[in-house]
Amino acid sequence: MRRFCRILAFTCGALLLLGAGRASHADSNKIVTVYTARHTPADDQLYQLFTKETGIKVVLVPSKAKELLQRIKLEDANSDADVFFTSDATDLWHGADANLLQPIQSADILAEVPAKLRDPQNRWIAVSYRARLFVYDATRVKPNKVPGYESLADPRWQSQILTRSATTSDIQAWVAAMIDALGADAAEAWAKGVTQNFGHQPGGSDVEQITSMLAGNGTIAICSSDKVARFLATNQDPTLRQQLAHVGILYPNQDDRGAHIDLAGAGLVAHAPHQANALKFLAFLVSPEAQHLFTDVNFEFPVRSDVPNNATVASWGDLKTDDPRVAALVQNNTAAILMLSRVGWQ
């Protein structure tokens, strides 16, 4: 009898362990679990609006992208993860390449996302994007003198270029894209030229590049469009606003390949326990309501063609974008990091 009880206890314990973290059938129509590496001002509103419209509760598991992907891999078929959500397309590529994401088989979702803004096998989609642009001192810089990223290496801009550190993923992705566009040798010559034109040692946020420029440390700041738009739209300091009146915004490479963009996106996890709810969540991310949150609250570009840009972003004019060849960004990442180190871009 005691042996039977021990076997029964062991069996029950094993079943509990196998079911740990998984929702019961009673809850299966009420939740979607989102493993998220994305933390933006619109997020809370996004999840609340989704729950209000669908009755599905969003259960968040926040962490860094690499940690989340490793967790999904280790959890395998027992994972709670339904959706992987991140602000870096290379994270999505890694998830798909490791077979942690499955194809999104929904014509309605895919119809709202241009082919160049999603995985070729539809394992992930972009939901918004940001452009790498120039913020310049309009009293000292003529826009036609900096038509493209390549212009930053021109000796005329010695001690004038302001940018973030090479340790940041956005700079690494940008340089990886330059390797893809120019080839390794030409890209390295360009990067060396840019480092020789730094106004100060790279570092700080996008906004700090702008304030450094206003302080006279340079004339061209390399920034992400969403950070610039939020800074310009929300800053209420009268002295600073007066200074910003002499600042211009320029999208590079509009006469050729277009400006480099960084994608934010989401994928359907391979063993999603609430797949129907996950698809509803992904559909919501590309709905007009969610897209307006990305533009109006986050100052990002929408993937939907029928959702207008935020007024601040719209005032900068139309944007031609370079095709985001995500696989090339991943393949060139190590080369970009080594190159940045060789040329002294710290």
Protein backbone atom coordinates (compact mmCIF):
# COMPACT_ATOMS: atom_id res chain seq x y z
CA MET A 1 0.00 0.00 0.00
CA ARG A 2 2.78 2.39 0.93
CA ARG A 3 4.53 1.54 -2.34
CA PHE A 4 1.34 2.36 -4.25
CA CYS A 5 1.06 5.71 -2.44
CA ARG A 6 4.67 6.53 -3.27
CA ILE A 7 4.09 5.74 -6.95
CA LEU A 8 0.90 7.79 -6.95
CA ALA A 9 2.65 10.72 -5.29
CA PHE A 10 5.54 10.56 -7.77
CA THR A 11 3.16 10.40 -10.75
CA CYS A 12 1.14 13.38 -9.52
CA GLY A 13 4.32 15.34 -8.89
CA ALA A 14 5.61 14.62 -12.38
CA LEU A 15 2.33 15.70 -13.91
CA LEU A 16 2.44 18.92 -11.92
CA LEU A 17 5.97 19.62 -13.13
CA LEU A 18 5.04 18.97 -16.74
CA GLY A 19 2.09 21.27 -16.42
CA ALA A 20 3.94 24.01 -14.51
CA GLY A 21 3.59 27.36 -16.18
CA ARG A 22 0.94 26.16 -18.60
CA ALA A 23 -2.55 27.59 -18.36
CA SER A 24 -5.45 25.28 -17.67
CA HIS A 25 -8.11 24.60 -20.30
CA ALA A 26 -10.39 26.95 -18.40
CA ASP A 27 -7.91 29.79 -18.99
CA SER A 28 -6.81 28.87 -22.51
CA ASN A 29 -9.20 31.27 -24.20
CA LYS A 30 -8.35 34.16 -21.91
CA ILE A 31 -4.58 34.73 -22.04
CA VAL A 32 -1.66 35.28 -24.38
CA THR A 33 1.87 35.12 -22.99
CA VAL A 34 4.26 37.61 -24.53
CA TYR A 35 8.01 37.21 -24.01
CA THR A 36 9.09 40.80 -24.58
CA ALA A 37 12.42 42.55 -24.96
CA ARG A 38 10.61 45.73 -25.95
CA HIS A 39 9.93 48.45 -23.39
CA THR A 40 8.48 51.61 -24.94
CA PRO A 41 6.06 54.32 -23.78
CA ALA A 42 3.19 52.80 -25.78
CA ASP A 43 3.49 49.26 -24.44
CA ASP A 44 1.13 49.47 -21.45
CA GLN A 45 -1.52 51.22 -23.55
CA LEU A 46 -1.06 48.60 -26.25
CA TYR A 47 -1.69 45.66 -23.93
CA GLN A 48 -4.60 47.33 -22.16
CA LEU A 49 -6.31 48.16 -25.44
CA PHE A 50 -5.86 44.60 -26.72
CA THR A 51 -7.44 43.17 -23.56
CA LYS A 52 -10.28 45.68 -23.73
CA GLU A 53 -11.07 44.77 -27.34
CA THR A 54 -10.65 40.98 -27.07
CA GLY A 55 -11.05 40.04 -23.40
CA ILE A 56 -7.69 38.26 -23.64
CA LYS A 57 -5.27 39.02 -20.80
CA VAL A 58 -1.66 39.74 -21.79
CA VAL A 59 0.82 37.93 -19.52
CA LEU A 60 4.22 39.57 -19.88
CA VAL A 61 7.63 37.96 -19.42
CA PRO A 62 10.12 40.83 -19.86
CA SER A 63 13.87 40.39 -20.25
CA LYS A 64 16.69 40.88 -22.73
CA ALA A 65 16.14 39.29 -26.11
CA LYS A 66 19.00 36.78 -25.89
CA GLU A 67 17.81 35.62 -22.48
CA LEU A 68 14.24 35.19 -23.72
CA LEU A 69 15.32 33.20 -26.77
CA GLN A 70 17.49 30.97 -24.59
CA ARG A 71 14.56 30.44 -22.25
CA ILE A 72 12.24 29.50 -25.12
CA LYS A 73 14.86 27.05 -26.36
CA LEU A 74 15.28 25.41 -22.95
CA GLU A 75 11.55 25.27 -22.27
CA ASP A 76 10.94 23.73 -25.69
CA ALA A 77 7.43 22.19 -25.94
CA ASN A 78 6.66 23.15 -22.33
CA SER A 79 7.16 26.87 -22.91
CA ASP A 80 4.46 29.34 -21.91
CA ALA A 81 5.61 31.70 -24.67
CA ASP A 82 3.06 32.51 -27.34
CA VAL A 83 4.67 35.61 -28.87
CA PHE A 84 8.25 36.90 -28.97
CA PHE A 85 8.26 40.73 -29.16
CA THR A 86 11.38 42.86 -29.63
CA SER A 87 12.75 46.15 -31.01
CA ASP A 88 15.60 44.53 -32.95
CA ALA A 89 15.04 42.56 -36.14
CA THR A 90 18.27 40.61 -35.66
CA ASP A 91 16.73 39.10 -32.51
CA LEU A 92 13.81 37.92 -34.62
CA TRP A 93 16.22 36.47 -37.18
CA HIS A 94 18.04 34.53 -34.47
CA GLY A 95 14.73 33.20 -33.15
CA ALA A 96 13.65 32.05 -36.59
CA ASP A 97 17.07 30.59 -37.43
CA ALA A 98 16.97 28.51 -34.24
CA ASN A 99 13.51 27.18 -35.17
CA LEU A 100 11.98 28.89 -32.14
CA LEU A 101 9.37 30.63 -34.30
CA GLN A 102 6.80 29.18 -36.67
CA PRO A 103 5.24 30.60 -39.86
CA ILE A 104 2.35 33.01 -39.36
CA GLN A 105 -0.40 31.47 -41.43
CA SER A 106 -2.82 34.36 -41.55
CA ALA A 107 -3.45 36.12 -44.83
CA ASP A 108 -5.06 39.03 -42.99
CA ILE A 109 -1.95 39.71 -40.92
CA LEU A 110 0.49 39.30 -43.79
CA ALA A 111 -1.56 41.56 -46.05
CA GLU A 112 -0.86 44.52 -43.74
CA VAL A 113 2.94 44.06 -43.69
CA PRO A 114 5.01 44.68 -46.84
CA ALA A 115 7.12 41.70 -47.86
CA LYS A 116 10.37 43.57 -47.17
CA LEU A 117 9.24 44.12 -43.56
CA ARG A 118 8.76 40.45 -42.69
CA ASP A 119 10.64 37.18 -42.70
CA PRO A 120 10.75 35.45 -46.12
CA GLN A 121 9.11 32.42 -44.46
CA ASN A 122 6.71 34.64 -42.47
CA ARG A 123 8.05 33.51 -39.09
CA TRP A 124 8.06 37.12 -37.89
CA ILE A 125 6.68 40.48 -38.93
CA ALA A 126 7.77 44.05 -38.36
CA VAL A 127 5.20 46.18 -36.56
CA SER A 128 7.05 49.52 -36.73
CA TYR A 129 10.45 50.95 -37.61
CA ARG A 130 12.86 53.82 -36.97
CA ALA A 131 15.21 55.61 -39.38
CA ARG A 132 18.85 56.59 -38.79
CA LEU A 133 18.96 60.26 -39.72
CA PHE A 134 21.02 63.44 -39.41
CA VAL A 135 20.19 66.27 -37.02
CA TYR A 136 22.25 69.26 -38.13
CA ASP A 137 23.01 72.86 -37.25
CA ALA A 138 21.18 74.69 -40.04
CA THR A 139 23.26 77.82 -39.48
CA ARG A 140 26.47 75.98 -40.38
CA VAL A 141 25.51 73.00 -42.54
CA LYS A 142 23.92 72.98 -45.99
CA PRO A 143 21.83 69.82 -46.47
CA ASN A 144 23.16 69.23 -49.99
CA LYS A 145 26.64 68.79 -48.52
CA VAL A 146 25.57 65.68 -46.56
CA PRO A 147 23.29 63.77 -48.95
CA GLY A 148 24.23 60.34 -47.62
CA TYR A 149 25.92 58.41 -44.83
CA GLU A 150 29.03 58.30 -47.00
CA SER A 151 29.31 62.09 -46.67
CA LEU A 152 30.17 61.78 -42.97
CA ALA A 153 33.70 60.66 -43.90
CA ASP A 154 34.40 63.86 -45.88
CA PRO A 155 37.34 65.74 -44.26
CA ARG A 156 35.26 68.94 -44.38
CA TRP A 157 33.42 67.60 -41.30
CA GLN A 158 36.50 67.23 -39.13
CA SER A 159 35.52 67.58 -35.43
CA GLN A 160 31.83 67.93 -36.45
CA ILE A 161 30.28 64.43 -36.23
CA LEU A 162 28.47 63.30 -33.08
CA THR A 163 27.34 59.72 -32.56
CA ARG A 164 26.71 56.98 -30.03
CA SER A 165 29.18 54.35 -28.90
CA ALA A 166 30.17 51.37 -31.01
CA THR A 167 28.95 49.12 -28.20
CA THR A 168 25.29 49.93 -28.98
CA SER A 169 23.32 47.53 -31.16
CA ASP A 170 21.92 50.30 -33.36
CA ILE A 171 25.39 51.54 -34.37
CA GLN A 172 26.54 47.98 -35.01
CA ALA A 173 23.48 47.30 -37.19
CA TRP A 174 24.04 50.53 -39.12
CA VAL A 175 27.70 49.69 -39.80
CA ALA A 176 26.71 46.13 -40.77
CA ALA A 177 24.32 47.69 -43.29
CA MET A 178 27.14 49.87 -44.61
CA ILE A 179 29.26 46.74 -45.14
CA ASP A 180 26.35 45.26 -47.08
CA ALA A 181 25.95 48.41 -49.18
CA LEU A 182 29.61 49.30 -49.83
CA GLY A 183 31.57 46.10 -49.34
CA ALA A 184 33.97 45.40 -46.48
CA ASP A 185 36.99 47.41 -47.68
CA ALA A 186 35.06 50.52 -48.69
CA ALA A 187 32.99 50.37 -45.49
CA GLU A 188 36.14 50.24 -43.36
CA ALA A 189 37.64 53.23 -45.19
CA TRP A 190 34.36 55.07 -44.58
CA ALA A 191 34.26 54.16 -40.88
CA LYS A 192 37.86 55.31 -40.45
CA GLY A 193 36.98 58.62 -42.09
CA VAL A 194 34.00 59.09 -39.78
CA THR A 195 36.11 58.47 -36.66
CA GLN A 196 38.55 61.14 -37.81
CA ASN A 197 35.64 63.60 -37.90
CA PHE A 198 34.26 62.99 -34.40
CA GLY A 199 33.40 66.10 -32.42
CA HIS A 200 33.91 64.14 -29.22
CA GLN A 201 34.39 60.56 -28.08
CA PRO A 202 31.26 58.55 -29.01
CA GLY A 203 28.88 57.89 -26.14
CA GLY A 204 25.60 58.86 -24.58
CA SER A 205 22.06 58.71 -25.91
CA ASP A 206 20.61 60.09 -29.13
CA VAL A 207 19.27 63.09 -27.25
CA GLU A 208 22.72 63.73 -25.77
CA GLN A 209 24.13 63.94 -29.29
CA ILE A 210 21.67 66.74 -30.03
CA THR A 211 22.33 68.66 -26.82
CA SER A 212 26.06 68.29 -27.40
CA MET A 213 25.61 69.79 -30.85
CA LEU A 214 23.64 72.69 -29.35
CA ALA A 215 26.53 73.20 -26.92
CA GLY A 216 28.88 73.70 -29.85
CA ASN A 217 30.65 70.33 -29.89
CA GLY A 218 29.74 69.54 -33.49
CA THR A 219 27.31 70.28 -36.28
CA ILE A 220 25.89 66.88 -37.34
CA ALA A 221 24.39 64.36 -34.90
CA ILE A 222 23.53 60.81 -35.99
CA CYS A 223 20.29 59.77 -34.30
CA SER A 224 17.31 57.44 -34.35
CA SER A 225 14.19 59.16 -35.71
CA ASP A 226 11.89 58.17 -32.84
CA LYS A 227 14.21 59.63 -30.18
CA VAL A 228 14.57 62.87 -32.14
CA ALA A 229 10.84 63.25 -32.69
CA ARG A 230 10.00 62.65 -29.03
CA PHE A 231 12.65 65.17 -27.94
CA LEU A 232 11.42 67.84 -30.33
CA ALA A 233 7.73 67.25 -29.61
CA THR A 234 7.84 67.04 -25.83
CA ASN A 235 10.59 69.43 -24.73
CA GLN A 236 9.05 72.50 -23.12
CA ASP A 237 12.18 74.39 -22.04
CA PRO A 238 11.86 77.83 -23.74
CA THR A 239 15.60 78.41 -24.07
CA LEU A 240 16.17 74.97 -25.56
CA ARG A 241 13.24 75.34 -27.93
CA GLN A 242 14.72 78.59 -29.18
CA GLN A 243 17.99 76.78 -29.90
CA LEU A 244 16.14 73.93 -31.61
CA ALA A 245 14.59 76.41 -34.03
CA HIS A 246 17.98 76.43 -35.81
CA VAL A 247 18.18 72.64 -36.11
CA GLY A 248 17.43 70.75 -39.32
CA ILE A 249 16.45 67.11 -39.96
CA LEU A 250 17.76 65.19 -42.95
CA TYR A 251 17.03 61.67 -44.21
CA PRO A 252 20.26 60.36 -45.81
CA ASN A 253 20.63 58.61 -49.17
CA GLN A 254 17.28 59.70 -50.54
CA ASP A 255 18.69 59.90 -54.07
CA ASP A 256 19.94 56.31 -54.06
CA ARG A 257 19.27 53.32 -51.78
CA GLY A 258 17.38 55.11 -48.99
CA ALA A 259 17.93 55.56 -45.25
CA HIS A 260 18.86 52.69 -42.96
CA ILE A 261 15.98 51.56 -40.73
CA ASP A 262 15.73 49.50 -37.54
CA LEU A 263 12.72 47.20 -37.24
CA ALA A 264 10.59 46.33 -34.23
CA GLY A 265 8.59 43.17 -34.60
CA ALA A 266 7.06 40.01 -33.26
CA GLY A 267 7.00 36.31 -34.02
CA LEU A 268 4.74 33.35 -33.28
CA VAL A 269 6.59 30.95 -30.94
CA ALA A 270 6.97 27.42 -32.29
CA HIS A 271 5.16 25.70 -29.39
CA ALA A 272 2.72 28.51 -28.57
CA PRO A 273 0.15 26.99 -26.17
CA HIS A 274 -2.42 29.68 -27.06
CA GLN A 275 -1.83 29.92 -30.78
CA ALA A 276 -5.25 31.34 -31.66
CA ASN A 277 -4.82 34.09 -29.08
CA ALA A 278 -1.28 34.73 -30.29
CA LEU A 279 -2.55 35.26 -33.84
CA LYS A 280 -5.16 37.67 -32.52
CA PHE A 281 -2.40 39.57 -30.74
CA LEU A 282 -0.24 39.71 -33.86
CA ALA A 283 -3.24 40.88 -35.87
CA PHE A 284 -3.83 43.57 -33.28
CA LEU A 285 -0.21 44.79 -33.56
CA VAL A 286 -0.81 45.64 -37.23
CA SER A 287 -4.33 47.01 -36.68
CA PRO A 288 -4.96 50.75 -37.15
CA GLU A 289 -5.45 51.20 -33.37
CA ALA A 290 -2.06 49.72 -32.47
CA GLN A 291 -0.29 51.37 -35.37
CA HIS A 292 -1.54 54.76 -34.19
CA LEU A 293 -0.02 54.04 -30.77
CA PHE A 294 3.33 53.28 -32.40
CA THR A 295 3.23 56.55 -34.33
CA ASP A 296 1.55 58.92 -31.84
CA VAL A 297 3.10 57.67 -28.59
CA ASN A 298 6.39 56.10 -29.73
CA PHE A 299 7.03 58.40 -32.73
CA GLU A 300 7.87 55.37 -34.87
CA PHE A 301 6.96 54.73 -38.50
CA PRO A 302 3.94 52.45 -39.08
CA VAL A 303 4.03 49.38 -41.30
CA ARG A 304 0.48 50.05 -42.50
CA SER A 305 0.24 52.40 -45.48
CA ASP A 306 -3.11 53.80 -44.32
CA VAL A 307 -1.81 55.07 -40.94
CA PRO A 308 -0.18 58.52 -41.13
CA ASN A 309 3.06 59.46 -39.41
CA ASN A 310 3.09 61.49 -36.23
CA ALA A 311 2.81 65.22 -37.01
CA THR A 312 6.39 65.91 -35.92
CA VAL A 313 7.75 63.12 -38.12
CA ALA A 314 5.46 64.10 -41.00
CA SER A 315 6.91 67.62 -40.93
CA TRP A 316 10.28 66.21 -42.03
CA GLY A 317 8.86 65.10 -45.38
CA ASP A 318 8.72 61.73 -47.12
CA LEU A 319 11.15 58.96 -46.29
CA LYS A 320 12.73 56.55 -48.76
CA THR A 321 14.03 53.51 -46.88
CA ASP A 322 16.77 51.05 -47.68
CA ASP A 323 15.50 47.48 -47.82
CA PRO A 324 16.21 45.97 -44.37
CA ARG A 325 18.26 42.91 -45.33
CA VAL A 326 18.15 41.41 -41.87
CA ALA A 327 20.15 38.29 -42.75
CA ALA A 328 22.98 40.52 -44.01
CA LEU A 329 22.92 42.54 -40.78
CA VAL A 330 23.33 39.33 -38.77
CA GLN A 331 26.04 37.94 -41.04
CA ASN A 332 27.97 41.23 -40.96
CA ASN A 333 27.57 41.86 -37.23
CA THR A 334 30.88 40.36 -36.10
CA ALA A 335 32.72 42.04 -38.97
CA ALA A 336 31.14 45.36 -38.02
CA ILE A 337 32.19 45.05 -34.37
CA LEU A 338 35.78 44.17 -35.33
CA MET A 339 35.89 46.98 -37.86
CA LEU A 340 34.65 49.54 -35.35
CA SER A 341 37.38 48.46 -32.96
CA ARG A 342 40.10 48.64 -35.64
CA VAL A 343 39.21 52.20 -36.69
CA GLY A 344 38.96 53.46 -33.11
CA TRP A 345 35.19 53.92 -32.95
CA GLN A 346 34.81 53.15 -29.23
